[in-house]
C-alpha atoms as a PDB file:
ATOM      1  CA  MET A   1      -9.338  14.086   5.494  1.00  0.00           C
ATOM      2  CA  LEU A   2      -6.654  13.597   2.901  1.00  0.00           C
ATOM      3  CA  SER A   3      -6.431  17.043   2.159  1.00  0.00           C
ATOM      4  CA  ASN A   4      -2.481  17.150   3.292  1.00  0.00           C
ATOM      5  CA  SER A   5      -1.050  13.917   1.444  1.00  0.00           C
ATOM      6  CA  GLN A   6       2.230  15.501  -0.026  1.00  0.00           C
ATOM      7  CA  GLN A   7       3.271  16.151   3.878  1.00  0.00           C
ATOM      8  CA  VAL A   8       2.030  12.721   4.930  1.00  0.00           C
ATOM      9  CA  ARG A   9       4.307  11.341   1.838  1.00  0.00           C
ATOM     10  CA  ALA A  10       7.423  13.487   3.019  1.00  0.00           C
ATOM     11  CA  HIS A  11       7.579  12.732   6.181  1.00  0.00           C
ATOM     12  CA  LEU A  12       6.604   9.103   5.682  1.00  0.00           C
ATOM     13  CA  ASN A  13       9.018   8.614   3.608  1.00  0.00           C
ATOM     14  CA  ARG A  14      11.854   9.986   5.627  1.00  0.00           C
ATOM     15  CA  CYS A  15      10.327   7.365   7.792  1.00  0.00           C
ATOM     16  CA  LEU A  16      11.499   4.809   5.748  1.00  0.00           C
ATOM     17  CA  MET A  17      15.085   5.820   5.154  1.00  0.00           C
ATOM     18  CA  ARG A  18      15.835   4.980   8.856  1.00  0.00           C
ATOM     19  CA  MET A  19      14.101   1.579   9.675  1.00  0.00           C
ATOM     20  CA  VAL A  20      16.592  -0.352   7.031  1.00  0.00           C
ATOM     21  CA  ALA A  21      19.750  -1.014   9.542  1.00  0.00           C
ATOM     22  CA  VAL A  22      17.214  -0.243  12.581  1.00  0.00           C
ATOM     23  CA  SER A  23      16.071  -4.108  11.257  1.00  0.00           C
ATOM     24  CA  LEU A  24      18.599  -5.516  10.895  1.00  0.00           C
ATOM     25  CA  CYS A  25      20.882  -4.742  14.435  1.00  0.00           C
ATOM     26  CA  TRP A  26      19.688  -7.799  15.815  1.00  0.00           C
ATOM     27  CA  PHE A  27      21.354  -9.249  13.011  1.00  0.00           C
ATOM     28  CA  SER A  28      24.784  -8.715  14.816  1.00  0.00           C
ATOM     29  CA  ILE A  29      24.478 -11.417  17.675  1.00  0.00           C
ATOM     30  CA  PHE A  30      24.015 -14.348  15.043  1.00  0.00           C
ATOM     31  CA  LEU A  31      27.195 -13.842  13.196  1.00  0.00           C
ATOM     32  CA  LEU A  32      29.226 -16.499  15.096  1.00  0.00           C
ATOM     33  CA  GLY A  33      28.502 -18.171  11.187  1.00  0.00           C
ATOM     34  CA  GLY A  34      30.374 -16.107   9.608  1.00  0.00           C
ATOM     35  CA  CYS A  35      29.756 -12.798   7.159  1.00  0.00           C
ATOM     36  CA  SER A  36      28.701 -15.833   4.017  1.00  0.00           C
ATOM     37  CA  SER A  37      25.657 -16.410   6.516  1.00  0.00           C
ATOM     38  CA  SER A  38      22.097 -15.412   5.243  1.00  0.00           C
ATOM     39  CA  GLN A  39      22.529 -13.091   8.580  1.00  0.00           C
ATOM     40  CA  GLY A  40      25.947 -11.690   8.170  1.00  0.00           C
ATOM     41  CA  LEU A  41      25.110 -10.828   4.696  1.00  0.00           C
ATOM     42  CA  ASN A  42      22.130  -8.622   5.497  1.00  0.00           C
ATOM     43  CA  LEU A  43      24.286  -7.060   8.098  1.00  0.00           C
ATOM     44  CA  ALA A  44      26.038  -6.176   5.644  1.00  0.00           C
ATOM     45  CA  GLY A  45      24.114  -5.064   3.223  1.00  0.00           C
ATOM     46  CA  ALA A  46      22.577  -3.050   6.060  1.00  0.00           C
ATOM     47  CA  ARG A  47      26.754  -0.834   6.541  1.00  0.00           C
ATOM     48  CA  SER A  48      26.206  -1.069   2.739  1.00  0.00           C
ATOM     49  CA  TYR A  49      23.208   1.253   2.856  1.00  0.00           C
ATOM     50  CA  GLU A  50      23.902   3.420   5.064  1.00  0.00           C
ATOM     51  CA  ARG A  51      26.735   4.613   3.466  1.00  0.00           C
ATOM     52  CA  GLY A  52      24.454   4.734   0.686  1.00  0.00           C
ATOM     53  CA  ASN A  53      26.281   2.381  -1.200  1.00  0.00           C
ATOM     54  CA  TYR A  54      22.156   0.500  -2.611  1.00  0.00           C
ATOM     55  CA  GLN A  55      23.892  -1.359  -5.728  1.00  0.00           C
ATOM     56  CA  ARG A  56      25.713  -2.966  -3.136  1.00  0.00           C
ATOM     57  CA  ALA A  57      23.405  -3.105  -0.861  1.00  0.00           C
ATOM     58  CA  ILE A  58      21.261  -4.479  -3.108  1.00  0.00           C
ATOM     59  CA  GLY A  59      23.683  -7.320  -4.097  1.00  0.00           C
ATOM     60  CA  GLN A  60      23.827  -8.182  -1.351  1.00  0.00           C
ATOM     61  CA  PHE A  61      20.851  -8.829   0.175  1.00  0.00           C
ATOM     62  CA  GLN A  62      19.979 -10.746  -2.609  1.00  0.00           C
ATOM     63  CA  ASP A  63      22.144 -13.081  -1.699  1.00  0.00           C
ATOM     64  CA  ALA A  64      20.917 -13.471   2.300  1.00  0.00           C
ATOM     65  CA  LEU A  65      17.412 -13.985   0.682  1.00  0.00           C
ATOM     66  CA  ALA A  66      19.567 -16.917  -2.180  1.00  0.00           C
ATOM     67  CA  LYS A  67      20.565 -18.369   1.056  1.00  0.00           C
ATOM     68  CA  ASP A  68      17.637 -18.367   2.740  1.00  0.00           C
ATOM     69  CA  PRO A  69      14.515 -17.323   0.603  1.00  0.00           C
ATOM     70  CA  LYS A  70      12.357 -17.982   3.843  1.00  0.00           C
ATOM     71  CA  ASN A  71      13.836 -14.946   5.657  1.00  0.00           C
ATOM     72  CA  ALA A  72      11.789 -11.916   5.528  1.00  0.00           C
ATOM     73  CA  ASP A  73      13.715  -9.603   6.912  1.00  0.00           C
ATOM     74  CA  ALA A  74      16.181 -10.408   3.971  1.00  0.00           C
ATOM     75  CA  TYR A  75      12.967  -8.939   2.227  1.00  0.00           C
ATOM     76  CA  TYR A  76      12.159  -6.471   3.988  1.00  0.00           C
ATOM     77  CA  ASN A  77      15.446  -4.877   3.333  1.00  0.00           C
ATOM     78  CA  LEU A  78      15.308  -5.961  -0.156  1.00  0.00           C
ATOM     79  CA  ALA A  79      12.408  -4.255  -0.776  1.00  0.00           C
ATOM     80  CA  SER A  80      13.145  -0.744   1.824  1.00  0.00           C
ATOM     81  CA  THR A  81      16.780  -0.072  -0.050  1.00  0.00           C
ATOM     82  CA  TYR A  82      14.216  -0.805  -3.530  1.00  0.00           C
ATOM     83  CA  TYR A  83      12.345   1.604  -2.963  1.00  0.00           C
ATOM     84  CA  SER A  84      14.737   4.211  -1.614  1.00  0.00           C
ATOM     85  CA  VAL A  85      16.693   3.727  -4.867  1.00  0.00           C
ATOM     86  CA  GLY A  86      12.879   4.771  -6.396  1.00  0.00           C
ATOM     87  CA  LYS A  87      11.941   7.326  -4.935  1.00  0.00           C
ATOM     88  CA  THR A  88      16.255   9.009  -5.483  1.00  0.00           C
ATOM     89  CA  GLN A  89      16.229   8.059  -8.836  1.00  0.00           C
ATOM     90  CA  ASN A  90      12.424   8.585 -10.319  1.00  0.00           C
ATOM     91  CA  ALA A  91      12.108   4.821 -10.946  1.00  0.00           C
ATOM     92  CA  PRO A  92       8.842   3.025 -10.749  1.00  0.00           C
ATOM     93  CA  ALA A  93      10.541  -0.159 -11.366  1.00  0.00           C
ATOM     94  CA  PHE A  94      12.200   0.340  -8.464  1.00  0.00           C
ATOM     95  CA  MET A  95       8.959   1.597  -6.705  1.00  0.00           C
ATOM     96  CA  GLN A  96       6.634  -1.798  -8.477  1.00  0.00           C
ATOM     97  CA  GLN A  97       9.734  -4.207  -6.929  1.00  0.00           C
ATOM     98  CA  ALA A  98       9.443  -2.891  -3.694  1.00  0.00           C
ATOM     99  CA  GLU A  99       6.185  -3.275  -3.667  1.00  0.00           C
ATOM    100  CA  SER A 100       6.444  -6.669  -4.589  1.00  0.00           C
ATOM    101  CA  LEU A 101       8.895  -7.537  -2.558  1.00  0.00           C
ATOM    102  CA  PHE A 102       7.266  -6.050   0.797  1.00  0.00           C
ATOM    103  CA  ASN A 103       4.008  -8.419  -0.054  1.00  0.00           C
ATOM    104  CA  GLN A 104       6.553 -11.208   0.347  1.00  0.00           C
ATOM    105  CA  CYS A 105       7.553 -10.662   3.403  1.00  0.00           C
ATOM    106  CA  LEU A 106       3.884  -9.929   4.375  1.00  0.00           C
ATOM    107  CA  ASP A 107       3.612 -13.576   3.194  1.00  0.00           C
ATOM    108  CA  LEU A 108       6.308 -15.043   5.031  1.00  0.00           C
ATOM    109  CA  SER A 109       5.815 -12.893   8.164  1.00  0.00           C
ATOM    110  CA  PRO A 110       2.456 -12.038   8.116  1.00  0.00           C
ATOM    111  CA  ASP A 111       2.822  -9.581  11.710  1.00  0.00           C
ATOM    112  CA  HIS A 112       5.545  -7.816  10.145  1.00  0.00           C
ATOM    113  CA  VAL A 113       5.576  -4.620  12.148  1.00  0.00           C
ATOM    114  CA  ALA A 114       8.560  -2.748   9.945  1.00  0.00           C
ATOM    115  CA  CYS A 115       7.656  -4.450   7.030  1.00  0.00           C
ATOM    116  CA  HIS A 116       3.643  -2.862   7.336  1.00  0.00           C
ATOM    117  CA  ARG A 117       5.149   0.840   7.917  1.00  0.00           C
ATOM    118  CA  GLY A 118       7.347   0.292   5.324  1.00  0.00           C
ATOM    119  CA  LEU A 119       4.265  -0.540   2.392  1.00  0.00           C
ATOM    120  CA  ALA A 120       2.063   1.449   4.045  1.00  0.00           C
ATOM    121  CA  ALA A 121       4.847   4.252   3.461  1.00  0.00           C
ATOM    122  CA  LEU A 122       4.934   2.918  -0.363  1.00  0.00           C
ATOM    123  CA  LEU A 123       1.748   2.891  -0.375  1.00  0.00           C
ATOM    124  CA  VAL A 124       0.849   7.122   0.589  1.00  0.00           C
ATOM    125  CA  ASP A 125       3.909   7.956  -1.798  1.00  0.00           C
ATOM    126  CA  SER A 126       2.251   6.124  -4.527  1.00  0.00           C
ATOM    127  CA  ASN A 127      -1.116   8.148  -3.973  1.00  0.00           C
ATOM    128  CA  ARG A 128      -2.869   5.471  -2.536  1.00  0.00           C
ATOM    129  CA  PRO A 129      -3.687   6.194   1.078  1.00  0.00           C
ATOM    130  CA  GLU A 130      -7.622   4.467   1.063  1.00  0.00           C
ATOM    131  CA  SER A 131      -4.746   1.448   0.518  1.00  0.00           C
ATOM    132  CA  ALA A 132      -2.914   2.351   3.419  1.00  0.00           C
ATOM    133  CA  PHE A 133      -5.232   2.036   5.719  1.00  0.00           C
ATOM    134  CA  THR A 134      -6.877  -0.557   3.894  1.00  0.00           C
ATOM    135  CA  LEU A 135      -3.426  -2.518   4.846  1.00  0.00           C
ATOM    136  CA  LEU A 136      -3.132  -1.245   8.253  1.00  0.00           C
ATOM    137  CA  LYS A 137      -7.455  -2.400   9.687  1.00  0.00           C
ATOM    138  CA  ARG A 138      -6.762  -5.448   7.702  1.00  0.00           C
ATOM    139  CA  TRP A 139      -3.354  -6.253   9.725  1.00  0.00           C
ATOM    140  CA  LYS A 140      -5.733  -4.889  13.418  1.00  0.00           C
ATOM    141  CA  ALA A 141      -8.309  -7.411  12.386  1.00  0.00           C
ATOM    142  CA  ARG A 142      -6.656 -10.097  11.495  1.00  0.00           C
ATOM    143  CA  SER A 143      -4.619  -9.735  14.414  1.00  0.00           C
ATOM    144  CA  GLN A 144      -6.507  -9.233  17.189  1.00  0.00           C
ATOM    145  CA  GLN A 145      -4.463  -9.943  19.711  1.00  0.00           C
ATOM    146  CA  LEU A 146      -1.702  -7.195  18.794  1.00  0.00           C
ATOM    147  CA  ALA A 147      -0.875  -3.529  20.334  1.00  0.00           C
ATOM    148  CA  GLU A 148       1.268  -3.160  16.779  1.00  0.00           C
ATOM    149  CA  PRO A 149      -1.503  -2.695  14.320  1.00  0.00           C
ATOM    150  CA  ARG A 150      -3.382  -0.197  16.865  1.00  0.00           C
ATOM    151  CA  ILE A 151      -0.045   1.421  16.776  1.00  0.00           C
ATOM    152  CA  GLU A 152       0.590   2.086  13.480  1.00  0.00           C
ATOM    153  CA  LEU A 153      -2.595   2.810  12.544  1.00  0.00           C
ATOM    154  CA  ALA A 154      -2.502   5.433  15.276  1.00  0.00           C
ATOM    155  CA  ARG A 155       0.658   7.168  12.940  1.00  0.00           C
ATOM    156  CA  LEU A 156      -1.309   7.215   9.826  1.00  0.00           C
ATOM    157  CA  TYR A 157      -3.699   8.385  11.143  1.00  0.00           C
ATOM    158  CA  GLU A 158      -1.527  11.177  13.550  1.00  0.00           C
ATOM    159  CA  GLU A 159       0.286  12.246   9.441  1.00  0.00           C
ATOM    160  CA  PHE A 160      -3.076  13.141   8.510  1.00  0.00           C
ATOM    161  CA  GLY A 161      -4.702  15.621  11.015  1.00  0.00           C
ATOM    162  CA  ASP A 162      -7.158  13.300  12.630  1.00  0.00           C
ATOM    163  CA  ASN A 163      -5.482  13.030  16.329  1.00  0.00           C
ATOM    164  CA  ASP A 164      -9.394  11.394  18.235  1.00  0.00           C
ATOM    165  CA  ASN A 165      -9.248   7.804  16.320  1.00  0.00           C
ATOM    166  CA  ALA A 166      -4.985   8.112  16.734  1.00  0.00           C
ATOM    167  CA  THR A 167      -6.050   8.461  20.537  1.00  0.00           C
ATOM    168  CA  ARG A 168      -7.801   5.948  20.360  1.00  0.00           C
ATOM    169  CA  HIS A 169      -6.176   3.533  18.731  1.00  0.00           C
ATOM    170  CA  LEU A 170      -3.576   3.672  21.174  1.00  0.00           C
ATOM    171  CA  THR A 171      -5.763   3.665  24.029  1.00  0.00           C
ATOM    172  CA  ASP A 172      -7.071   0.446  22.499  1.00  0.00           C
ATOM    173  CA  ALA A 173      -3.646  -0.912  22.444  1.00  0.00           C
ATOM    174  CA  LEU A 174      -2.861   0.106  25.334  1.00  0.00           C
ATOM    175  CA  ASN A 175      -5.798  -1.547  27.156  1.00  0.00           C
ATOM    176  CA  LEU A 176      -5.084  -4.791  24.915  1.00  0.00           C
ATOM    177  CA  GLN A 177      -1.368  -4.830  26.027  1.00  0.00           C
ATOM    178  CA  PRO A 178      -0.739  -2.276  28.618  1.00  0.00           C
ATOM    179  CA  GLY A 179       2.898  -2.567  29.182  1.00  0.00           C
ATOM    180  CA  ASN A 180       4.224  -1.747  25.466  1.00  0.00           C
ATOM    181  CA  SER A 181       6.470   1.457  25.487  1.00  0.00           C
ATOM    182  CA  ARG A 182       5.918   2.419  22.193  1.00  0.00           C
ATOM    183  CA  ALA A 183       2.203   2.682  22.500  1.00  0.00           C
ATOM    184  CA  TRP A 184       2.662   4.179  25.985  1.00  0.00           C
ATOM    185  CA  ALA A 185       5.385   6.944  23.748  1.00  0.00           C
ATOM    186  CA  ALA A 186       2.786   7.604  21.183  1.00  0.00           C
ATOM    187  CA  ILE A 187       0.387   8.115  23.038  1.00  0.00           C
ATOM    188  CA  ALA A 188       2.614  10.418  25.115  1.00  0.00           C
ATOM    189  CA  HIS A 189       3.667  11.985  21.471  1.00  0.00           C
ATOM    190  CA  LEU A 190      -0.325  13.326  20.950  1.00  0.00           C
ATOM    191  CA  ARG A 191      -0.012  14.418  24.579  1.00  0.00           C
ATOM    192  CA  GLU A 192       2.611  17.036  24.061  1.00  0.00           C
ATOM    193  CA  ARG A 193       1.525  18.186  20.731  1.00  0.00           C
ATOM    194  CA  ASP A 194      -1.682  19.021  22.507  1.00  0.00           C
ATOM    195  CA  GLY A 195       0.241  21.025  24.840  1.00  0.00           C
ATOM    196  CA  LYS A 196      -0.905  18.829  28.198  1.00  0.00           C
ATOM    197  CA  LEU A 197       2.197  18.670  28.996  1.00  0.00           C
ATOM    198  CA  ALA A 198       1.903  17.112  32.536  1.00  0.00           C
ATOM    199  CA  GLN A 199       0.481  13.987  31.525  1.00  0.00           C
ATOM    200  CA  ALA A 200       2.397  13.573  29.009  1.00  0.00           C
ATOM    201  CA  LEU A 201       5.599  13.435  31.132  1.00  0.00           C
ATOM    202  CA  SER A 202       3.436  10.884  33.009  1.00  0.00           C
ATOM    203  CA  ASP A 203       2.871   8.933  29.689  1.00  0.00           C
ATOM    204  CA  TYR A 204       7.103   9.376  28.264  1.00  0.00           C
ATOM    205  CA  GLN A 205       8.547   7.909  32.304  1.00  0.00           C
ATOM    206  CA  GLN A 206       5.269   5.262  31.692  1.00  0.00           C
ATOM    207  CA  ALA A 207       7.310   4.034  28.431  1.00  0.00           C
ATOM    208  CA  TYR A 208      10.937   4.854  29.270  1.00  0.00           C
ATOM    209  CA  ASN A 209       9.600   2.647  33.066  1.00  0.00           C
ATOM    210  CA  LEU A 210       9.232   0.055  30.466  1.00  0.00           C
ATOM    211  CA  ASN A 211      12.306   0.451  27.799  1.00  0.00           C
ATOM    212  CA  GLN A 212      15.001   2.602  28.926  1.00  0.00           C
ATOM    213  CA  ARG A 213      17.527   1.876  26.165  1.00  0.00           C
ATOM    214  CA  ASN A 214      14.740   4.607  23.452  1.00  0.00           C
ATOM    215  CA  PRO A 215      16.855   8.206  24.451  1.00  0.00           C
ATOM    216  CA  ALA A 216      14.463   9.877  22.722  1.00  0.00           C
ATOM    217  CA  VAL A 217      11.898   8.803  24.882  1.00  0.00           C
ATOM    218  CA  ALA A 218      14.779   9.897  27.031  1.00  0.00           C
ATOM    219  CA  SER A 219      15.558  14.096  25.687  1.00  0.00           C
ATOM    220  CA  ARG A 220      11.579  14.437  25.960  1.00  0.00           C
ATOM    221  CA  ILE A 221      11.301  13.233  29.746  1.00  0.00           C
ATOM    222  CA  ALA A 222      14.170  16.254  30.370  1.00  0.00           C
ATOM    223  CA  SER A 223      12.622  18.534  27.818  1.00  0.00           C
ATOM    224  CA  LEU A 224       9.302  18.479  29.555  1.00  0.00           C
ATOM    225  CA  ARG A 225      10.672  18.363  33.029  1.00  0.00           C
ATOM    226  CA  GLN A 226      12.623  21.829  31.937  1.00  0.00           C
ATOM    227  CA  ASN A 227       9.386  22.877  30.355  1.00  0.00           C
ATOM    228  CA  LEU A 228       7.669  22.720  33.303  1.00  0.00           C
ATOM    229  CA  ALA A 229      10.338  24.061  35.805  1.00  0.00           C
ATOM    230  CA  LEU A 230       9.641  27.267  33.381  1.00  0.00           C
ATOM    231  CA  GLY A 231       6.305  27.425  33.866  1.00  0.00           C
ATOM    232  CA  GLY A 232       4.505  25.444  30.687  1.00  0.00           C
ATOM    233  CA  SER A 233       1.415  25.224  31.527  1.00  0.00           C
ATOM    234  CA  GLN A 234      -1.461  22.478  30.641  1.00  0.00           C
ATOM    235  CA  THR A 235      -3.233  24.289  27.747  1.00  0.00           C
ATOM    236  CA  ASN A 236      -5.015  22.744  24.216  1.00  0.00           C
ATOM    237  CA  GLY A 237      -2.928  24.425  22.539  1.00  0.00           C
ATOM    238  CA  ALA A 238      -0.689  22.999  19.783  1.00  0.00           C
ATOM    239  CA  SER A 239       2.977  21.785  22.200  1.00  0.00           C
ATOM    240  CA  PRO A 240       6.452  22.856  20.451  1.00  0.00           C
ATOM    241  CA  ALA A 241       7.623  19.319  19.814  1.00  0.00           C
ATOM    242  CA  THR A 242       9.420  18.237  17.665  1.00  0.00           C
ATOM    243  CA  LYS A 243       7.711  15.363  16.160  1.00  0.00           C
ATOM    244  CA  MET A 244       9.080  12.770  16.324  1.00  0.00           C
ATOM    245  CA  VAL A 245       8.587   9.140  14.648  1.00  0.00           C
ATOM    246  CA  ASN A 246       9.231   5.428  15.144  1.00  0.00           C
ATOM    247  CA  SER A 247      12.913   4.459  13.402  1.00  0.00           C
ATOM    248  CA  GLY A 248      14.285   1.987  16.617  1.00  0.00           C
ATOM    249  CA  GLY A 249      14.985   2.491  19.915  1.00  0.00           C
ATOM    250  CA  GLY A 250      16.581   6.298  18.730  1.00  0.00           C
ATOM    251  CA  THR A 251      13.274   7.357  18.127  1.00  0.00           C
ATOM    252  CA  ALA A 252      10.507   8.676  20.825  1.00  0.00           C
ATOM    253  CA  ARG A 253       7.897   6.307  18.364  1.00  0.00           C
END
């Protein structure tokens, strides 16, 4: 199952590189305290990250933690930045620091979705894919009432080519939380890849009905409608769909 780990690492790294700024979007509503607040520093750090100024971003996230040492999002943002620098500069010390910070984030917020995803990506990238699966499986066992651990496990199984387990976990997620738009989009993505276009379109539409702020889902709906209108068939072969990953509101998963 783990033979394509290099491809998975590259894919998960692309996911992570997109996540930091997206995860900070909600901080903009808390800026009444000014840019010197922890939230304001987090937002400033996200902007520095977007510009590629990682050292400045690190300093701003560290300042955010100095003002609010229990801010799990600041730990996540700092961890993600160290991870990006560690990757681009091939710096093991930065990767180790990122792993420590991801774990500190989870100590403060045990159900932090993006942090679980980021740490799983780092573990795969560090040639520890089994540890990534263990991380997510333990989260699922600990938080049985949540759909998110199942969605993240499904993502990881899919990246390793195990679509059966991915589908099983997404089905469980939807049984647990039928109104979860991410789960609907994720299972739609799997069905689209399998060539089950009509079912995929229906599932994407369900995801969009639950969350109309995801432009990637809207894009897939439009594309599939066009494909089916031109004679796209219900086959078991691979769909021509572009692989999508979740990085917030701009992606289908």
